[in-house]
Protein backbone atom coordinates (compact mmCIF):
# COMPACT_ATOMS: atom_id res chain seq x y z
CA MET A 1 -53.29 42.67 -36.38
CA TYR A 2 -51.06 42.08 -39.77
CA GLY A 3 -53.38 40.21 -41.65
CA GLY A 4 -52.09 40.93 -45.81
CA GLN A 5 -49.14 43.35 -44.89
CA ASP A 6 -45.89 43.07 -46.07
CA ARG A 7 -42.98 43.20 -43.52
CA GLY A 8 -42.49 46.46 -44.29
CA GLU A 9 -46.26 47.84 -43.46
CA THR A 10 -46.21 45.63 -40.37
CA ARG A 11 -43.33 46.93 -39.02
CA ALA A 12 -44.41 50.23 -40.06
CA VAL A 13 -47.36 49.78 -37.62
CA PHE A 14 -44.55 49.32 -34.69
CA PHE A 15 -42.79 52.86 -35.77
CA ARG A 16 -46.02 55.04 -35.86
CA ALA A 17 -46.95 53.51 -32.47
CA TRP A 18 -43.42 54.37 -31.04
CA ASP A 19 -43.76 57.52 -32.48
CA ALA A 20 -47.19 58.56 -31.32
CA HIS A 21 -45.98 57.50 -27.70
CA ARG A 22 -42.73 59.43 -27.63
CA ALA A 23 -44.63 62.68 -29.21
CA GLY A 24 -47.46 62.11 -26.45
CA ARG A 25 -49.97 61.27 -29.07
CA PRO A 26 -52.97 59.46 -28.21
CA LEU A 27 -52.43 56.14 -28.97
CA GLU A 28 -55.37 53.80 -31.24
CA GLY A 29 -56.07 50.08 -30.67
CA VAL A 30 -53.14 47.95 -31.14
CA GLU A 31 -51.17 50.68 -30.73
CA LYS A 32 -51.53 50.72 -26.72
CA LEU A 33 -50.43 46.86 -26.48
CA ILE A 34 -47.31 48.06 -28.64
CA VAL A 35 -46.54 50.79 -26.66
CA GLN A 36 -46.80 48.53 -23.59
CA VAL A 37 -44.53 45.70 -24.90
CA ALA A 38 -42.03 48.14 -26.12
CA LEU A 39 -41.53 49.89 -22.92
CA ARG A 40 -40.57 46.47 -21.55
CA HIS A 41 -37.64 46.13 -23.74
CA PRO A 42 -35.64 49.34 -23.83
CA GLU A 43 -33.23 47.90 -25.69
CA TYR A 44 -35.22 48.16 -28.80
CA HIS A 45 -36.00 51.85 -28.36
CA PRO A 46 -32.85 52.86 -30.53
CA LEU A 47 -34.11 50.82 -33.44
CA LEU A 48 -37.70 52.30 -32.66
CA ASP A 49 -36.46 55.64 -33.01
CA GLU A 50 -34.80 54.91 -36.47
CA PRO A 51 -37.42 53.65 -38.94
CA GLU A 52 -35.26 54.10 -42.01
CA ALA A 53 -32.84 51.99 -40.84
CA ALA A 54 -34.92 49.20 -39.54
CA ARG A 55 -37.79 49.38 -41.87
CA GLU A 56 -35.95 46.02 -44.10
CA ARG A 57 -33.11 45.08 -42.34
CA ASP A 58 -33.09 40.93 -42.46
CA TYR A 59 -32.37 39.36 -38.83
CA PHE A 60 -30.54 36.13 -38.91
CA PRO A 61 -30.78 33.94 -36.00
CA GLU A 62 -28.02 31.73 -37.55
CA SER A 63 -25.79 34.66 -36.68
CA GLY A 64 -26.88 35.16 -32.93
CA GLU A 65 -29.34 37.59 -34.36
CA THR A 66 -32.79 37.99 -32.77
CA ASN A 67 -35.63 39.66 -35.00
CA PRO A 68 -36.93 42.45 -32.53
CA PHE A 69 -40.09 42.84 -34.67
CA LEU A 70 -40.76 39.36 -34.08
CA HIS A 71 -39.76 39.21 -30.55
CA LEU A 72 -42.55 42.14 -29.87
CA GLY A 73 -44.90 40.47 -32.17
CA MET A 74 -44.92 37.24 -29.94
CA HIS A 75 -45.21 39.17 -26.89
CA ILE A 76 -48.30 41.06 -28.49
CA ALA A 77 -49.73 37.51 -29.53
CA ILE A 78 -49.28 36.46 -26.00
CA GLU A 79 -51.61 39.12 -24.77
CA GLU A 80 -54.09 38.92 -27.18
CA GLN A 81 -54.30 35.03 -26.55
CA LEU A 82 -54.83 35.67 -22.66
CA SER A 83 -57.05 38.62 -23.07
CA ILE A 84 -59.47 35.79 -24.86
CA ASP A 85 -58.16 32.68 -22.99
CA GLN A 86 -57.52 31.42 -27.01
CA PRO A 87 -56.31 28.91 -27.49
CA PRO A 88 -58.76 27.80 -24.57
CA GLY A 89 -56.91 27.17 -21.29
CA ILE A 90 -53.96 29.22 -22.20
CA ARG A 91 -54.72 31.82 -18.91
CA GLY A 92 -54.94 28.54 -16.65
CA TYR A 93 -51.33 27.91 -17.79
CA TYR A 94 -49.98 31.22 -17.77
CA ARG A 95 -51.83 31.36 -14.07
CA LYS A 96 -49.56 28.52 -12.99
CA MET A 97 -46.45 30.25 -14.55
CA ILE A 98 -46.67 32.98 -12.63
CA ASN A 99 -47.00 31.18 -9.46
CA ARG A 100 -44.22 29.21 -10.30
CA PHE A 101 -42.02 31.46 -11.91
CA SER A 102 -43.07 34.74 -10.49
CA ASP A 103 -41.72 37.42 -13.17
CA GLU A 104 -44.69 38.54 -16.16
CA HIS A 105 -42.16 38.92 -18.72
CA GLU A 106 -40.07 35.63 -17.73
CA VAL A 107 -43.12 34.06 -18.24
CA GLN A 108 -44.00 35.00 -21.76
CA HIS A 109 -40.57 34.64 -22.93
CA ARG A 110 -41.07 30.74 -21.72
CA MET A 111 -44.23 31.01 -23.51
CA MET A 112 -42.35 32.02 -26.60
CA GLU A 113 -40.57 29.25 -26.43
CA CYS A 114 -43.55 26.86 -26.63
CA MET A 115 -45.35 29.08 -29.36
CA GLY A 116 -41.84 28.90 -31.35
CA GLU A 117 -42.22 25.14 -31.29
CA MET A 118 -45.31 24.88 -32.40
CA LEU A 119 -44.86 27.35 -35.21
CA TRP A 120 -41.86 25.00 -36.43
CA GLN A 121 -43.23 21.81 -36.36
CA ALA A 122 -46.50 23.76 -38.40
CA SER A 123 -43.63 25.12 -40.82
CA ARG A 124 -42.05 21.28 -40.89
CA GLN A 125 -45.62 19.75 -41.47
CA ALA A 126 -46.81 22.36 -43.79
CA ALA A 127 -49.64 22.50 -41.66
CA ALA A 128 -51.54 24.80 -39.55
CA PRO A 129 -50.36 25.48 -36.20
CA GLN A 130 -51.88 22.70 -33.67
CA ALA A 131 -52.67 24.33 -30.13
CA ALA A 132 -52.36 21.30 -28.86
CA ILE A 133 -48.80 21.54 -29.47
CA TYR A 134 -48.28 24.69 -27.66
CA LEU A 135 -50.46 23.69 -24.55
CA ASP A 136 -48.53 20.52 -24.46
CA CYS A 137 -44.90 22.40 -24.80
CA LEU A 138 -46.27 24.85 -21.49
CA ARG A 139 -47.36 21.83 -19.74
CA ARG A 140 -44.22 19.93 -20.05
CA LEU A 141 -42.27 23.58 -18.82
CA LEU A 142 -44.37 23.35 -15.90
CA ASP A 143 -43.90 19.82 -15.18
CA ALA A 144 -39.92 19.76 -15.34
CA ARG A 145 -39.40 22.82 -12.96
């Protein structure tokens, strides 16, 4: 979705999609998914309405800030993973989590925790993300509840 783009260019994709949605213009490609995900997060609508203020803003987790673009992007990544069952088996875990927790949005937030764990491990080890870490985390979530 974002290959080769810098942060500003990536965020511009979000702003263009949101602007097209608000103006009632047809959405193309990934714009449909961006808007679908953004509509589940009304707390981010004011941010998406003000591209100049948000395009280069930094978000600091150590200060308790959530990066809304990362958050929306993780939702999009999960939607894309589910659409192609990649990593293999992700759809099965998702269905089991929906049966357990029933709220799709809550399930995706739980999945984000596991995706974050996988990415953190990859960063720590200076290695590619390992799907096994992600799937194992999802399994542990199901086993713990």
